């Protein structure tokens, strides 16, 4: 699991991100990821389609989050991007069970290896079930501090 921690990059942490819905977020993030060489042109349509079919909103005790991802074939350079939107972005809940989720943190997985997304997802789910850790994550104001708190369970 140690190598997964290296997927988090300070220059892919975005505070005060302005987006009105998941598609808007994906469009803006996709432009950045494409420009920086992390994804291919097919990434945007793929992540939008996947989010419609397999929603990624997760409501925890302390906050709403979303963990969108797409197929490895659209990933050029593995990464994990973290977006803290200015206003919560409404995502549909995982497994389409429950109410829409006002996501205050969005973690986009760009993992290429088989099974890699499952491993990272499991660690992130464990992270977001830890109420005190989520509070600490959401209080951070710099990319480095946020990633330090967010990756605490990645070892």
Protein backbone atom coordinates (compact mmCIF):
# COMPACT_ATOMS: atom_id res chain seq x y z
CA UNK A 1 0.00 0.00 0.00
CA UNK A 2 2.97 2.32 0.50
CA UNK A 3 3.24 3.11 -3.20
CA UNK A 4 -0.34 4.45 -3.21
CA UNK A 5 0.68 7.34 -0.96
CA UNK A 6 2.92 8.58 -3.79
CA UNK A 7 -0.10 9.00 -6.06
CA UNK A 8 -1.15 12.06 -4.02
CA UNK A 9 0.49 15.19 -5.43
CA UNK A 10 0.38 18.67 -3.83
CA UNK A 11 -0.03 20.29 -7.24
CA UNK A 12 -3.24 18.27 -7.71
CA UNK A 13 -4.87 19.63 -4.54
CA UNK A 14 -7.39 22.36 -5.32
CA UNK A 15 -8.96 24.56 -2.65
CA UNK A 16 -11.96 26.84 -3.25
CA UNK A 17 -12.75 25.06 -6.55
CA UNK A 18 -15.84 26.53 -8.21
CA UNK A 19 -18.14 24.03 -9.92
CA UNK A 20 -21.93 23.77 -10.05
CA UNK A 21 -22.25 20.00 -10.51
CA UNK A 22 -20.11 16.89 -11.06
CA UNK A 23 -19.93 17.38 -14.85
CA UNK A 24 -18.70 20.95 -14.40
CA UNK A 25 -16.09 19.75 -11.91
CA UNK A 26 -14.98 16.96 -14.26
CA UNK A 27 -14.75 19.39 -17.20
CA UNK A 28 -12.54 21.82 -15.29
CA UNK A 29 -10.43 19.14 -13.62
CA UNK A 30 -10.11 17.25 -16.91
CA UNK A 31 -8.63 20.31 -18.62
CA UNK A 32 -5.99 20.59 -15.90
CA UNK A 33 -5.21 16.85 -15.93
CA UNK A 34 -5.03 16.75 -19.75
CA UNK A 35 -2.80 19.84 -19.88
CA UNK A 36 -0.45 18.33 -17.29
CA UNK A 37 -0.26 14.97 -19.07
CA UNK A 38 -2.11 12.81 -16.56
CA UNK A 39 -5.05 11.73 -18.75
CA UNK A 40 -6.08 11.22 -22.38
CA UNK A 41 -8.81 13.09 -24.26
CA UNK A 42 -11.33 10.27 -23.59
CA UNK A 43 -11.12 10.80 -19.83
CA UNK A 44 -13.90 13.38 -19.58
CA UNK A 45 -16.62 11.44 -21.40
CA UNK A 46 -15.56 8.25 -19.62
CA UNK A 47 -15.64 9.69 -16.09
CA UNK A 48 -19.01 11.39 -16.73
CA UNK A 49 -20.52 8.14 -18.05
CA UNK A 50 -19.10 6.11 -15.19
CA UNK A 51 -20.40 8.58 -12.58
CA UNK A 52 -23.90 8.34 -14.09
CA UNK A 53 -23.80 4.52 -13.99
CA UNK A 54 -21.87 4.06 -10.76
CA UNK A 55 -22.28 7.15 -8.54
CA UNK A 56 -19.55 7.84 -6.02
CA UNK A 57 -21.14 10.10 -3.38
CA UNK A 58 -20.51 8.99 0.20
CA UNK A 59 -22.11 10.63 3.22
CA UNK A 60 -20.07 10.14 6.37
CA UNK A 61 -20.83 11.19 9.93
CA UNK A 62 -18.96 14.46 9.45
CA UNK A 63 -19.04 15.36 5.75
CA UNK A 64 -20.08 14.42 2.24
CA UNK A 65 -17.42 13.22 -0.15
CA UNK A 66 -17.17 11.72 -3.61
CA UNK A 67 -14.51 9.42 -5.02
CA UNK A 68 -14.96 9.45 -8.82
CA UNK A 69 -12.72 7.46 -11.11
CA UNK A 70 -12.65 6.01 -14.59
CA UNK A 71 -11.13 3.14 -16.52
CA UNK A 72 -7.32 2.80 -16.40
CA UNK A 73 -7.03 3.12 -20.21
CA UNK A 74 -7.64 6.89 -19.90
CA UNK A 75 -4.80 7.38 -17.39
CA UNK A 76 -1.39 8.37 -18.77
CA UNK A 77 0.35 9.08 -15.45
CA UNK A 78 -1.16 7.67 -12.24
CA UNK A 79 -2.40 10.31 -9.79
CA UNK A 80 -4.94 11.14 -7.11
CA UNK A 81 -6.43 14.65 -7.27
CA UNK A 82 -8.15 16.25 -4.28
CA UNK A 83 -10.75 18.98 -4.78
CA UNK A 84 -12.22 21.07 -1.99
CA UNK A 85 -15.09 22.91 -3.69
CA UNK A 86 -16.10 26.43 -2.67
CA UNK A 87 -19.67 25.14 -2.28
CA UNK A 88 -20.67 21.48 -1.87
CA UNK A 89 -21.25 19.66 -5.15
CA UNK A 90 -24.23 17.31 -5.23
CA UNK A 91 -23.29 13.73 -6.15
CA UNK A 92 -25.62 10.77 -6.28
CA UNK A 93 -24.93 8.24 -3.51
CA UNK A 94 -22.86 5.07 -4.02
CA UNK A 95 -25.04 2.15 -5.07
CA UNK A 96 -27.79 4.75 -5.62
CA UNK A 97 -28.98 4.12 -2.06
CA UNK A 98 -29.94 7.11 0.04
CA UNK A 99 -30.14 10.83 -0.51
CA UNK A 100 -27.97 12.92 -2.83
CA UNK A 101 -24.62 13.74 -1.20
CA UNK A 102 -23.38 17.34 -0.84
CA UNK A 103 -19.69 16.62 -1.37
CA UNK A 104 -17.31 18.95 0.47
CA UNK A 105 -14.29 16.94 -0.71
CA UNK A 106 -13.86 15.13 -4.03
CA UNK A 107 -11.04 12.67 -4.53
CA UNK A 108 -10.46 11.69 -8.14
CA UNK A 109 -8.56 8.43 -8.55
CA UNK A 110 -6.31 8.04 -11.55
CA UNK A 111 -5.03 4.53 -10.88
CA UNK A 112 -3.82 2.31 -13.73
CA UNK A 113 -2.99 -1.09 -12.32
CA UNK A 114 -5.56 -3.85 -12.00
CA UNK A 115 -7.18 -3.84 -8.59
CA UNK A 116 -5.43 -0.60 -7.68
CA UNK A 117 -8.65 1.38 -7.46
CA UNK A 118 -10.19 -1.16 -5.10
CA UNK A 119 -7.22 -0.97 -2.73
CA UNK A 120 -7.16 2.83 -2.72
CA UNK A 121 -10.96 3.00 -2.38
CA UNK A 122 -10.88 0.70 0.65
CA UNK A 123 -8.27 2.85 2.38
CA UNK A 124 -10.17 6.05 1.54
CA UNK A 125 -13.44 4.55 2.84
CA UNK A 126 -11.64 3.69 6.08
CA UNK A 127 -10.30 7.25 6.22
CA UNK A 128 -13.74 8.80 5.74
CA UNK A 129 -15.29 6.61 8.43
CA UNK A 130 -12.82 8.06 10.97
CA UNK A 131 -14.71 11.10 12.25
CA UNK A 132 -11.76 12.80 13.96
CA UNK A 133 -9.52 12.27 10.94
CA UNK A 134 -12.11 13.78 8.58
CA UNK A 135 -12.42 16.83 10.83
CA UNK A 136 -8.62 17.19 10.75
CA UNK A 137 -8.51 16.78 6.94
CA UNK A 138 -11.21 19.40 6.38
CA UNK A 139 -9.42 21.94 8.61
CA UNK A 140 -6.25 21.95 6.51
CA UNK A 141 -5.40 25.02 4.44
CA UNK A 142 -2.32 23.95 2.46
CA UNK A 143 -1.94 21.10 -0.04
CA UNK A 144 0.90 19.54 1.95
CA UNK A 145 -0.99 19.59 5.25
CA UNK A 146 -4.16 18.25 3.65
CA UNK A 147 -2.29 15.38 2.01
CA UNK A 148 -0.43 14.59 5.23
CA UNK A 149 -3.75 14.20 7.08
CA UNK A 150 -5.54 12.46 4.19
CA UNK A 151 -2.83 9.84 3.70
CA UNK A 152 -2.50 8.94 7.39
CA UNK A 153 -4.04 5.50 6.81
CA UNK A 154 -1.88 4.86 3.72
CA UNK A 155 1.27 3.17 4.99
